[in-house]
Amino acid sequence: MSCEPGCSCCTPAVDDAAFVVTINPEGRVEAARTELAVAPVRPGEWAEIDVAVLNQGYVTGPLQLRWSRLPGVEVDAPDTELTGAARQDTRFRVRLADRGAADVTFRFWALGALGGLANKNTAQLYVRTAS
């Protein structure tokens, strides 16, 4: 199945966050990158990345974030305590030490090691510095 840009049949429409994380009624996690642009950042400055959590399972407990380790890329992502609310907003921060760009892989987890099936809890973020 192929979707057109802006289609919400595969992922709920979220236009105010860079990532949407959906936790289904079984507690499985799916993550997707939205079309919201992430502005270029200055080297050494933090970029705040908004995440919308759609909690269809009303799960409580920590939402954890893991990422690919890349030279010159720093991530600040403390666990988010899920309240069980249908929608909860959170964020994490990324910064690049030098000019350039990085493609970082992020993986979201809830309920300890219970993730999505077939790596659906994984999404990419391309971040770059201002020229």
C-alpha atoms as a PDB file:
ATOM      1  CA  MET A   1       0.000   0.000   0.000  1.00  0.00           C
ATOM      2  CA  SER A   2       1.369   3.395  -0.927  1.00  0.00           C
ATOM      3  CA  CYS A   3       0.197   6.611   0.665  1.00  0.00           C
ATOM      4  CA  GLU A   4       0.291  10.152  -0.609  1.00  0.00           C
ATOM      5  CA  PRO A   5       1.909  12.886   1.513  1.00  0.00           C
ATOM      6  CA  GLY A   6      -0.503  14.003   4.222  1.00  0.00           C
ATOM      7  CA  CYS A   7      -2.442  10.727   4.189  1.00  0.00           C
ATOM      8  CA  SER A   8      -3.638   9.687   7.647  1.00  0.00           C
ATOM      9  CA  CYS A   9      -4.710   6.125   6.842  1.00  0.00           C
ATOM     10  CA  CYS A  10      -1.470   4.570   8.140  1.00  0.00           C
ATOM     11  CA  THR A  11      -0.543   7.052  10.855  1.00  0.00           C
ATOM     12  CA  PRO A  12      -2.863   9.408  12.730  1.00  0.00           C
ATOM     13  CA  ALA A  13      -2.571  12.990  11.495  1.00  0.00           C
ATOM     14  CA  VAL A  14      -0.346  15.050  13.775  1.00  0.00           C
ATOM     15  CA  ASP A  15       0.901  18.383  12.490  1.00  0.00           C
ATOM     16  CA  ASP A  16       2.425  19.900  15.628  1.00  0.00           C
ATOM     17  CA  ALA A  17       5.174  17.368  16.420  1.00  0.00           C
ATOM     18  CA  ALA A  18       8.136  15.876  14.553  1.00  0.00           C
ATOM     19  CA  PHE A  19       7.275  12.353  15.737  1.00  0.00           C
ATOM     20  CA  VAL A  20       4.032  10.592  16.525  1.00  0.00           C
ATOM     21  CA  VAL A  21       4.233   7.598  18.829  1.00  0.00           C
ATOM     22  CA  THR A  22       1.141   5.406  18.966  1.00  0.00           C
ATOM     23  CA  ILE A  23       0.674   2.874  21.743  1.00  0.00           C
ATOM     24  CA  ASN A  24      -2.023   0.406  20.770  1.00  0.00           C
ATOM     25  CA  PRO A  25      -4.439  -1.307  23.214  1.00  0.00           C
ATOM     26  CA  GLU A  26      -1.952  -4.207  23.604  1.00  0.00           C
ATOM     27  CA  GLY A  27       0.766  -1.759  24.653  1.00  0.00           C
ATOM     28  CA  ARG A  28       2.754  -2.125  21.426  1.00  0.00           C
ATOM     29  CA  VAL A  29       4.579   0.975  20.245  1.00  0.00           C
ATOM     30  CA  GLU A  30       4.663   2.397  16.732  1.00  0.00           C
ATOM     31  CA  ALA A  31       6.684   5.498  15.863  1.00  0.00           C
ATOM     32  CA  ALA A  32       6.549   7.612  12.734  1.00  0.00           C
ATOM     33  CA  ARG A  33       8.224  10.762  11.520  1.00  0.00           C
ATOM     34  CA  THR A  34       5.682  13.421  10.554  1.00  0.00           C
ATOM     35  CA  GLU A  35       6.007  16.032   7.845  1.00  0.00           C
ATOM     36  CA  LEU A  36       6.836  18.770  10.364  1.00  0.00           C
ATOM     37  CA  ALA A  37      10.175  20.264   9.367  1.00  0.00           C
ATOM     38  CA  VAL A  38      13.007  20.438  11.872  1.00  0.00           C
ATOM     39  CA  ALA A  39      14.813  23.737  11.401  1.00  0.00           C
ATOM     40  CA  PRO A  40      18.583  23.742  10.944  1.00  0.00           C
ATOM     41  CA  VAL A  41      20.496  24.413  14.172  1.00  0.00           C
ATOM     42  CA  ARG A  42      23.762  26.096  14.982  1.00  0.00           C
ATOM     43  CA  PRO A  43      26.639  23.783  15.916  1.00  0.00           C
ATOM     44  CA  GLY A  44      26.656  23.184  19.665  1.00  0.00           C
ATOM     45  CA  GLU A  45      23.060  24.388  20.176  1.00  0.00           C
ATOM     46  CA  TRP A  46      20.209  22.111  21.198  1.00  0.00           C
ATOM     47  CA  ALA A  47      17.267  21.479  18.879  1.00  0.00           C
ATOM     48  CA  GLU A  48      14.058  20.567  20.680  1.00  0.00           C
ATOM     49  CA  ILE A  49      12.127  17.797  18.957  1.00  0.00           C
ATOM     50  CA  ASP A  50       8.426  17.523  19.809  1.00  0.00           C
ATOM     51  CA  VAL A  51       6.776  14.115  20.154  1.00  0.00           C
ATOM     52  CA  ALA A  52       3.018  13.459  20.253  1.00  0.00           C
ATOM     53  CA  VAL A  53       2.133  10.253  22.102  1.00  0.00           C
ATOM     54  CA  LEU A  54      -1.246   8.783  21.145  1.00  0.00           C
ATOM     55  CA  ASN A  55      -1.976   6.298  23.906  1.00  0.00           C
ATOM     56  CA  GLN A  56      -4.792   4.059  22.666  1.00  0.00           C
ATOM     57  CA  GLY A  57      -3.992   1.503  25.374  1.00  0.00           C
ATOM     58  CA  TYR A  58      -4.066   4.071  28.192  1.00  0.00           C
ATOM     59  CA  VAL A  59      -0.684   2.683  29.233  1.00  0.00           C
ATOM     60  CA  THR A  60       1.057   4.167  32.275  1.00  0.00           C
ATOM     61  CA  GLY A  61       4.734   3.938  33.117  1.00  0.00           C
ATOM     62  CA  PRO A  62       7.910   5.065  31.354  1.00  0.00           C
ATOM     63  CA  LEU A  63       8.196   5.760  27.638  1.00  0.00           C
ATOM     64  CA  GLN A  64      11.849   5.241  26.823  1.00  0.00           C
ATOM     65  CA  LEU A  65      13.847   6.471  23.867  1.00  0.00           C
ATOM     66  CA  ARG A  66      17.035   4.926  22.504  1.00  0.00           C
ATOM     67  CA  TRP A  67      19.070   6.204  19.572  1.00  0.00           C
ATOM     68  CA  SER A  68      21.938   5.325  17.305  1.00  0.00           C
ATOM     69  CA  ARG A  69      25.242   6.599  18.649  1.00  0.00           C
ATOM     70  CA  LEU A  70      26.980   8.812  16.106  1.00  0.00           C
ATOM     71  CA  PRO A  71      30.202  10.814  16.486  1.00  0.00           C
ATOM     72  CA  GLY A  72      29.479  14.501  17.081  1.00  0.00           C
ATOM     73  CA  VAL A  73      25.768  13.928  17.838  1.00  0.00           C
ATOM     74  CA  GLU A  74      24.434  14.332  21.360  1.00  0.00           C
ATOM     75  CA  VAL A  75      20.903  13.427  22.455  1.00  0.00           C
ATOM     76  CA  ASP A  76      19.165  14.409  25.691  1.00  0.00           C
ATOM     77  CA  ALA A  77      16.130  12.178  26.099  1.00  0.00           C
ATOM     78  CA  PRO A  78      14.991  11.441  29.642  1.00  0.00           C
ATOM     79  CA  ASP A  79      12.188   8.898  30.017  1.00  0.00           C
ATOM     80  CA  THR A  80       8.666  10.308  29.799  1.00  0.00           C
ATOM     81  CA  GLU A  81       6.230   9.109  32.437  1.00  0.00           C
ATOM     82  CA  LEU A  82       3.051   8.103  30.603  1.00  0.00           C
ATOM     83  CA  THR A  83      -0.064   9.227  32.466  1.00  0.00           C
ATOM     84  CA  GLY A  84      -2.575   7.090  30.571  1.00  0.00           C
ATOM     85  CA  ALA A  85      -4.003  10.159  28.795  1.00  0.00           C
ATOM     86  CA  ALA A  86      -5.204   9.608  25.229  1.00  0.00           C
ATOM     87  CA  ARG A  87      -2.675  12.212  24.010  1.00  0.00           C
ATOM     88  CA  GLN A  88       0.439  13.330  25.794  1.00  0.00           C
ATOM     89  CA  ASP A  89       3.111  15.656  24.434  1.00  0.00           C
ATOM     90  CA  THR A  90       6.789  15.298  25.223  1.00  0.00           C
ATOM     91  CA  ARG A  91      10.114  16.226  23.647  1.00  0.00           C
ATOM     92  CA  PHE A  92      13.767  15.386  23.455  1.00  0.00           C
ATOM     93  CA  ARG A  93      16.814  17.387  22.392  1.00  0.00           C
ATOM     94  CA  VAL A  94      19.531  16.858  19.783  1.00  0.00           C
ATOM     95  CA  ARG A  95      22.689  18.800  19.066  1.00  0.00           C
ATOM     96  CA  LEU A  96      25.511  18.533  16.583  1.00  0.00           C
ATOM     97  CA  ALA A  97      29.026  19.396  17.726  1.00  0.00           C
ATOM     98  CA  ASP A  98      30.191  20.616  14.297  1.00  0.00           C
ATOM     99  CA  ARG A  99      28.751  21.838  11.013  1.00  0.00           C
ATOM    100  CA  GLY A 100      27.144  19.128   8.958  1.00  0.00           C
ATOM    101  CA  ALA A 101      24.229  16.758   9.158  1.00  0.00           C
ATOM    102  CA  ALA A 102      23.264  13.474  10.752  1.00  0.00           C
ATOM    103  CA  ASP A 103      20.600  10.856  10.183  1.00  0.00           C
ATOM    104  CA  VAL A 104      19.748   9.495  13.621  1.00  0.00           C
ATOM    105  CA  THR A 105      17.666   6.385  14.280  1.00  0.00           C
ATOM    106  CA  PHE A 106      15.322   6.585  17.270  1.00  0.00           C
ATOM    107  CA  ARG A 107      13.529   3.666  18.919  1.00  0.00           C
ATOM    108  CA  PHE A 108      10.671   4.185  21.375  1.00  0.00           C
ATOM    109  CA  TRP A 109       9.812   1.640  24.114  1.00  0.00           C
ATOM    110  CA  ALA A 110       7.007   1.293  26.643  1.00  0.00           C
ATOM    111  CA  LEU A 111       6.353  -1.380  29.256  1.00  0.00           C
ATOM    112  CA  GLY A 112      10.026  -2.323  29.491  1.00  0.00           C
ATOM    113  CA  ALA A 113      11.081  -4.393  26.499  1.00  0.00           C
ATOM    114  CA  LEU A 114       7.683  -4.543  24.784  1.00  0.00           C
ATOM    115  CA  GLY A 115       8.192  -2.731  21.505  1.00  0.00           C
ATOM    116  CA  GLY A 116       6.448  -2.729  18.175  1.00  0.00           C
ATOM    117  CA  LEU A 117       6.380  -5.597  15.729  1.00  0.00           C
ATOM    118  CA  ALA A 118       8.836  -5.540  12.815  1.00  0.00           C
ATOM    119  CA  ASN A 119      10.647  -2.473  14.181  1.00  0.00           C
ATOM    120  CA  LYS A 120       7.581  -0.252  13.871  1.00  0.00           C
ATOM    121  CA  ASN A 121       8.787   1.517  17.001  1.00  0.00           C
ATOM    122  CA  THR A 122      11.731   2.932  15.009  1.00  0.00           C
ATOM    123  CA  ALA A 123      11.872   6.240  13.137  1.00  0.00           C
ATOM    124  CA  GLN A 124      14.584   8.402  11.554  1.00  0.00           C
ATOM    125  CA  LEU A 125      15.438  12.047  12.090  1.00  0.00           C
ATOM    126  CA  TYR A 126      17.643  14.019   9.702  1.00  0.00           C
ATOM    127  CA  VAL A 127      19.106  17.014  11.500  1.00  0.00           C
ATOM    128  CA  ARG A 128      21.506  19.559  10.016  1.00  0.00           C
ATOM    129  CA  THR A 129      23.289  22.714  10.953  1.00  0.00           C
ATOM    130  CA  ALA A 130      22.532  26.106   9.485  1.00  0.00           C
ATOM    131  CA  SER A 131      24.895  27.163   6.729  1.00  0.00           C
END
